[in-house]
Amino acid sequence: MRFVGSERFVGKAGLAVGTALVLAACSGGGGGGSTGGSSAAGSAGPGVSAKPTPTPAPYGPVLSASVDPVTTALAQVAGAKSLSDLDTVLGGVVTSAQGAAKTLSKADKPPAVSTEQSELVEAMTSLATDAGKVRSDIKFHDVCALSSAEAELGTSQGLAAVSAALTKMTTAGYPTTFAVPPLPQQQSRSLDNGTMVRKGKLRGEGAFKVENGGKTDAVVSLALNGKAVHSVFVGKGQHADVKGVEDGTYEVYVSDGADWDSDAKGFTRDCHFTKFEDTFSFETGRTVTSWEITIQPVVDGNAKTVDVDPNAFPQP
């Protein structure tokens, strides 16, 4: 009996509370209840403002802003006067190509050029790697002339890929001013074996024989006081003689590599500069002095060589 009475009491209390809530809602608006209620529902609250959706930047200007620095850096290649100049220019190519790849990888792109943009990002990354490789080859004398360094850049697969990707962009309606500067072709010039690159008087009686058992051509110089007097070109796998060497004590320098530039009197690729530790004396007497050297490591060799700074190497 008490349980039922309690249930009825709770039910009545619930109704009374409900009535009070309805009355509070009706009187809360002041003068014009429905208008006041509508205003409260539309408010975002004090200090809160709605943020507009950002509008993506037009793709064309973003593309140009990314590519133009690469074009500018490449255009400076033609102005390089030395390997040192070119190394600096290539540093700019690396930086600009890396920047272009980073920017474009994050740019909002039209669906129509989604594939082209991916190709362009990959190509810019490859170009940065290739330009960095040329810089490394300059440092380690794998390229040792301006022409060969520029030619190596010209063979860059990344450079070709950038051009191809941007051609597709132009076709899709997004042109740029990208241009590849004129670059020389890689060469493999040589001389006839035994050619005298520098020919002194050769009025003596001494004989100097060179056997080139290496894998590259070489120019061997007999020098006095650090200056080349006689220099002979010896092709790889061949031998040559210098006859008529005057009396004196000579140092022997060896420059070997690929692609002999007759104007610069030096190899343009794979350059090595060495010097025999021992000197070679030629004396006229009862017998004729004759020396013979072999350009390649030999197990029972009795002559040692040391590397020479290219800047201190006597020009043949």
Protein backbone atom coordinates (compact mmCIF):
# COMPACT_ATOMS: atom_id res chain seq x y z
CA MET A 1 0.00 0.00 0.00
CA ARG A 2 2.79 2.53 0.81
CA PHE A 3 4.66 1.66 -2.36
CA VAL A 4 1.66 2.55 -4.56
CA GLY A 5 1.09 5.85 -2.73
CA SER A 6 4.71 6.86 -3.33
CA GLU A 7 4.45 6.12 -7.02
CA ARG A 8 1.45 8.39 -7.43
CA PHE A 9 3.20 11.21 -5.56
CA VAL A 10 6.22 11.01 -7.81
CA GLY A 11 4.01 11.16 -10.88
CA LYS A 12 2.31 14.34 -9.69
CA ALA A 13 5.61 15.99 -8.85
CA GLY A 14 6.86 15.27 -12.34
CA LEU A 15 3.85 16.98 -13.86
CA ALA A 16 4.29 20.04 -11.69
CA VAL A 17 7.91 20.40 -12.66
CA GLY A 18 7.01 20.06 -16.30
CA THR A 19 4.50 22.85 -16.00
CA ALA A 20 7.06 25.13 -14.38
CA LEU A 21 9.53 24.53 -17.22
CA VAL A 22 6.93 25.45 -19.83
CA LEU A 23 6.09 28.68 -18.02
CA ALA A 24 9.74 29.65 -17.77
CA ALA A 25 10.18 29.19 -21.49
CA CYS A 26 7.22 31.42 -22.27
CA SER A 27 8.31 34.26 -20.03
CA GLY A 28 12.05 34.23 -20.87
CA GLY A 29 11.85 36.37 -24.07
CA GLY A 30 10.61 39.62 -22.46
CA GLY A 31 8.53 41.39 -25.11
CA GLY A 32 8.04 38.95 -28.03
CA GLY A 33 8.79 35.39 -26.97
CA SER A 34 9.13 33.78 -30.38
CA THR A 35 11.55 36.44 -31.68
CA GLY A 36 13.73 36.25 -28.57
CA GLY A 37 13.95 32.46 -28.83
CA SER A 38 14.97 32.62 -32.47
CA SER A 39 17.74 35.14 -31.73
CA ALA A 40 19.24 32.97 -29.00
CA ALA A 41 19.38 29.94 -31.28
CA GLY A 42 21.30 31.80 -34.05
CA SER A 43 24.05 33.25 -31.82
CA ALA A 44 27.52 31.65 -31.89
CA GLY A 45 28.19 32.88 -28.36
CA PRO A 46 30.32 35.75 -27.07
CA GLY A 47 33.83 36.07 -28.68
CA VAL A 48 33.23 33.39 -31.35
CA SER A 49 33.29 34.16 -35.09
CA ALA A 50 32.83 31.82 -38.02
CA LYS A 51 36.04 31.13 -40.11
CA PRO A 52 35.70 31.24 -43.90
CA THR A 53 37.01 28.31 -45.93
CA PRO A 54 40.43 29.31 -47.47
CA THR A 55 40.49 29.56 -51.24
CA PRO A 56 43.36 27.55 -52.83
CA ALA A 57 45.90 29.64 -54.75
CA PRO A 58 45.58 29.34 -58.56
CA TYR A 59 47.77 26.49 -59.74
CA GLY A 60 49.42 28.32 -62.64
CA PRO A 61 51.16 30.99 -60.51
CA VAL A 62 52.22 28.36 -57.95
CA LEU A 63 53.78 26.27 -60.72
CA SER A 64 55.62 29.25 -62.21
CA ALA A 65 56.87 30.45 -58.82
CA SER A 66 58.35 27.00 -58.21
CA VAL A 67 59.95 26.53 -61.62
CA ASP A 68 61.29 30.04 -62.32
CA PRO A 69 64.17 29.85 -59.76
CA VAL A 70 65.37 26.63 -61.43
CA THR A 71 65.31 28.34 -64.83
CA THR A 72 67.27 31.28 -63.43
CA ALA A 73 69.89 29.02 -61.84
CA LEU A 74 70.38 27.02 -65.04
CA ALA A 75 70.76 30.19 -67.10
CA GLN A 76 73.84 31.09 -65.06
CA VAL A 77 75.73 28.02 -66.33
CA ALA A 78 76.70 29.85 -69.51
CA GLY A 79 78.38 32.59 -67.48
CA ALA A 80 80.72 30.25 -65.59
CA LYS A 81 84.36 30.94 -66.44
CA SER A 82 85.96 28.20 -64.37
CA LEU A 83 85.16 24.96 -62.57
CA SER A 84 84.94 26.95 -59.35
CA ASP A 85 82.34 29.26 -60.89
CA LEU A 86 80.36 26.32 -62.20
CA ASP A 87 80.45 24.60 -58.81
CA THR A 88 78.80 27.68 -57.27
CA VAL A 89 76.17 27.79 -60.03
CA LEU A 90 75.40 24.10 -59.59
CA GLY A 91 74.86 24.73 -55.88
CA GLY A 92 72.07 27.11 -56.89
CA VAL A 93 70.59 24.50 -59.23
CA VAL A 94 70.52 21.94 -56.41
CA THR A 95 68.86 24.34 -53.97
CA SER A 96 66.23 25.62 -56.41
CA ALA A 97 65.33 22.16 -57.72
CA GLN A 98 64.94 20.81 -54.18
CA GLY A 99 62.76 23.81 -53.29
CA ALA A 100 60.58 23.28 -56.37
CA ALA A 101 60.09 19.61 -55.54
CA LYS A 102 59.11 20.42 -51.94
CA THR A 103 56.67 23.20 -52.88
CA LEU A 104 54.98 21.29 -55.68
CA SER A 105 54.59 18.15 -53.58
CA LYS A 106 52.39 20.17 -51.18
CA ALA A 107 50.57 22.33 -53.75
CA ASP A 108 46.84 21.93 -54.48
CA LYS A 109 46.74 20.65 -58.02
CA PRO A 110 43.90 20.30 -60.53
CA PRO A 111 42.96 16.63 -61.00
CA ALA A 112 43.75 16.98 -64.71
CA VAL A 113 47.50 17.39 -64.01
CA SER A 114 47.85 15.11 -61.01
CA THR A 115 50.06 12.64 -62.87
CA GLU A 116 52.13 15.42 -64.48
CA GLN A 117 52.79 17.05 -61.13
CA SER A 118 53.98 13.78 -59.61
CA GLU A 119 56.33 13.34 -62.56
CA LEU A 120 57.58 16.91 -62.16
CA VAL A 121 58.29 16.48 -58.45
CA GLU A 122 60.26 13.31 -59.16
CA ALA A 123 62.12 15.00 -62.02
CA MET A 124 63.10 18.01 -59.89
CA THR A 125 64.42 15.69 -57.20
CA SER A 126 66.43 13.81 -59.83
CA LEU A 127 67.82 17.07 -61.26
CA ALA A 128 69.03 18.12 -57.80
CA THR A 129 70.77 14.76 -57.41
CA ASP A 130 72.40 14.97 -60.85
CA ALA A 131 73.67 18.52 -60.30
CA GLY A 132 75.09 17.43 -56.95
CA LYS A 133 76.85 14.54 -58.70
CA VAL A 134 78.58 16.95 -61.10
CA ARG A 135 79.76 18.99 -58.11
CA SER A 136 81.20 15.84 -56.55
CA ASP A 137 82.93 14.90 -59.81
CA ILE A 138 84.52 18.35 -59.96
CA LYS A 139 85.78 17.97 -56.41
CA PHE A 140 87.36 14.57 -57.04
CA HIS A 141 88.68 15.39 -60.56
CA ASP A 142 86.40 12.96 -62.36
CA VAL A 143 85.73 16.00 -64.50
CA CYS A 144 88.63 18.43 -64.75
CA ALA A 145 87.58 20.92 -67.42
CA LEU A 146 84.64 23.30 -67.69
CA SER A 147 83.47 21.75 -70.95
CA SER A 148 83.31 18.21 -69.56
CA ALA A 149 81.47 19.34 -66.41
CA GLU A 150 78.87 21.19 -68.49
CA ALA A 151 78.57 18.19 -70.79
CA GLU A 152 77.91 15.93 -67.81
CA LEU A 153 75.10 18.24 -66.69
CA GLY A 154 73.71 18.03 -70.22
CA THR A 155 73.37 14.24 -69.90
CA SER A 156 71.32 14.58 -66.69
CA GLN A 157 68.22 12.36 -66.84
CA GLY A 158 66.60 14.65 -64.29
CA LEU A 159 67.06 17.66 -66.57
CA ALA A 160 65.45 15.81 -69.46
CA ALA A 161 62.61 14.61 -67.22
CA VAL A 162 61.87 18.16 -66.01
CA SER A 163 61.59 19.34 -69.62
CA ALA A 164 59.29 16.43 -70.48
CA ALA A 165 57.02 16.98 -67.48
CA LEU A 166 56.72 20.72 -68.14
CA THR A 167 55.90 20.07 -71.79
CA LYS A 168 52.94 18.01 -70.59
CA MET A 169 51.97 20.84 -68.22
CA THR A 170 51.96 23.28 -71.15
CA THR A 171 49.73 20.95 -73.16
CA ALA A 172 47.36 20.80 -70.19
CA GLY A 173 47.14 24.61 -70.08
CA TYR A 174 49.83 25.45 -67.53
CA PRO A 175 52.83 26.93 -69.41
CA THR A 176 56.10 28.07 -67.79
CA THR A 177 59.20 29.88 -68.99
CA PHE A 178 61.49 26.92 -68.27
CA ALA A 179 64.43 26.60 -70.66
CA VAL A 180 67.54 24.42 -70.81
CA PRO A 181 70.72 26.37 -71.69
CA PRO A 182 72.92 25.19 -74.58
CA LEU A 183 75.37 22.62 -73.22
CA PRO A 184 78.34 20.97 -74.98
CA GLN A 185 78.48 17.32 -75.93
CA GLN A 186 80.83 14.95 -74.15
CA GLN A 187 83.94 14.23 -76.24
CA SER A 188 86.67 11.57 -76.36
CA ARG A 189 89.56 13.29 -78.10
CA SER A 190 93.02 11.79 -78.32
CA LEU A 191 96.39 12.19 -80.07
CA ASP A 192 98.48 9.84 -82.13
CA ASN A 193 100.67 7.73 -79.89
CA GLY A 194 104.13 9.25 -79.49
CA THR A 195 103.04 12.81 -80.29
CA MET A 196 105.29 15.36 -78.60
CA VAL A 197 102.97 17.66 -76.69
CA ARG A 198 105.99 19.74 -75.66
CA LYS A 199 109.20 19.33 -77.59
CA GLY A 200 112.45 20.69 -76.26
CA LYS A 201 115.66 20.94 -78.27
CA LEU A 202 116.35 17.18 -78.09
CA ARG A 203 120.01 17.65 -79.05
CA GLY A 204 121.40 15.22 -76.51
CA GLU A 205 122.08 11.51 -76.59
CA GLY A 206 119.77 10.30 -73.85
CA ALA A 207 116.80 8.02 -74.45
CA PHE A 208 113.57 7.90 -72.45
CA LYS A 209 111.11 5.05 -72.96
CA VAL A 210 107.55 4.87 -71.60
CA GLU A 211 105.31 1.83 -71.43
CA ASN A 212 101.66 2.66 -70.71
CA GLY A 213 100.02 -0.42 -69.28
CA GLY A 214 97.16 1.57 -67.75
CA LYS A 215 93.55 1.87 -68.83
CA THR A 216 93.72 5.52 -69.85
CA ASP A 217 95.88 7.69 -72.12
CA ALA A 218 98.76 9.57 -70.53
CA VAL A 219 101.13 12.45 -71.08
CA VAL A 220 104.56 11.96 -69.51
CA SER A 221 106.80 14.98 -68.93
CA LEU A 222 110.50 15.33 -68.21
CA ALA A 223 110.84 18.48 -66.11
CA LEU A 224 113.68 20.70 -64.90
CA ASN A 225 113.10 22.98 -61.92
CA GLY A 226 109.37 22.26 -61.99
CA LYS A 227 108.93 23.14 -65.67
CA ALA A 228 108.17 20.60 -68.37
CA VAL A 229 110.89 20.35 -71.04
CA HIS A 230 109.73 17.31 -73.02
CA SER A 231 106.19 15.88 -72.90
CA VAL A 232 105.04 12.85 -74.87
CA PHE A 233 101.54 11.43 -75.42
CA VAL A 234 101.34 7.70 -74.75
CA GLY A 235 98.10 5.93 -75.62
CA LYS A 236 96.69 3.30 -73.27
CA GLY A 237 98.32 -0.05 -73.84
CA GLN A 238 101.09 1.45 -75.96
CA HIS A 239 104.67 2.63 -75.62
CA ALA A 240 106.62 5.62 -76.86
CA ASP A 241 110.25 6.80 -76.97
CA VAL A 242 111.81 10.22 -76.52
CA LYS A 243 115.27 10.35 -78.12
CA GLY A 244 117.87 13.07 -77.88
CA VAL A 245 117.35 14.00 -74.24
CA GLU A 246 119.97 16.52 -73.08
CA ASP A 247 122.13 15.93 -70.04
CA GLY A 248 120.54 16.87 -66.75
CA THR A 249 118.67 15.55 -63.73
CA TYR A 250 114.96 15.43 -64.51
CA GLU A 251 111.76 14.94 -62.56
CA VAL A 252 109.11 12.82 -64.25
CA TYR A 253 105.45 13.86 -64.10
CA VAL A 254 102.52 11.81 -65.38
CA SER A 255 99.07 13.13 -66.28
CA ASP A 256 96.54 10.52 -67.31
CA GLY A 257 92.83 10.58 -68.10
CA ALA A 258 90.30 10.73 -70.94
CA ASP A 259 89.56 13.27 -73.67
CA TRP A 260 92.72 15.26 -74.36
CA ASP A 261 92.05 18.97 -74.94
CA SER A 262 94.94 20.22 -77.07
CA ASP A 263 94.08 23.88 -76.47
CA ALA A 264 94.05 23.48 -72.69
CA LYS A 265 96.84 20.87 -72.82
CA GLY A 266 95.07 18.60 -70.41
CA PHE A 267 92.60 15.74 -70.06
CA THR A 268 89.03 16.77 -69.32
CA ARG A 269 87.83 13.64 -67.48
CA ASP A 270 89.12 11.02 -65.03
CA CYS A 271 92.24 13.07 -64.36
CA HIS A 272 95.15 11.91 -62.22
CA PHE A 273 98.36 13.79 -61.56
CA THR A 274 101.40 11.96 -60.23
CA LYS A 275 105.15 12.31 -59.97
CA PHE A 276 107.94 9.75 -59.62
CA GLU A 277 109.70 10.10 -56.29
CA ASP A 278 113.11 9.41 -57.84
CA THR A 279 114.84 11.74 -60.27
CA PHE A 280 116.28 10.61 -63.60
CA SER A 281 119.84 11.66 -64.51
CA PHE A 282 121.08 11.75 -68.09
CA GLU A 283 124.82 11.98 -68.65
CA THR A 284 126.86 11.86 -71.83
CA GLY A 285 129.95 9.68 -71.54
CA ARG A 286 131.24 6.37 -72.75
CA THR A 287 127.72 5.02 -72.65
CA VAL A 288 124.35 6.53 -73.52
CA THR A 289 121.90 7.02 -70.67
CA SER A 290 118.60 5.30 -71.23
CA TRP A 291 115.67 5.17 -68.84
CA GLU A 292 112.49 3.17 -69.13
CA ILE A 293 109.36 3.57 -67.00
CA THR A 294 106.08 1.68 -66.88
CA ILE A 295 102.82 3.46 -66.08
CA GLN A 296 100.90 0.90 -64.10
CA PRO A 297 101.32 -0.79 -60.73
CA VAL A 298 103.76 -3.69 -60.98
CA VAL A 299 104.52 -6.29 -58.34
CA ASP A 300 108.31 -6.05 -58.64
CA GLY A 301 108.43 -2.33 -59.47
CA ASN A 302 111.29 -0.27 -58.06
CA ALA A 303 109.86 3.22 -58.62
CA LYS A 304 107.25 4.89 -56.45
CA THR A 305 104.93 7.73 -57.40
CA VAL A 306 103.13 10.36 -55.35
CA ASP A 307 99.99 12.36 -56.11
CA VAL A 308 100.47 15.97 -57.15
CA ASP A 309 98.09 18.89 -56.62
CA PRO A 310 96.72 19.78 -60.08
CA ASN A 311 97.44 23.43 -59.39
CA ALA A 312 101.12 22.62 -58.83
CA PHE A 313 101.42 20.34 -61.85
CA PRO A 314 103.68 21.65 -64.64
CA GLN A 315 101.74 22.22 -67.84
CA PRO A 316 102.93 19.83 -70.56
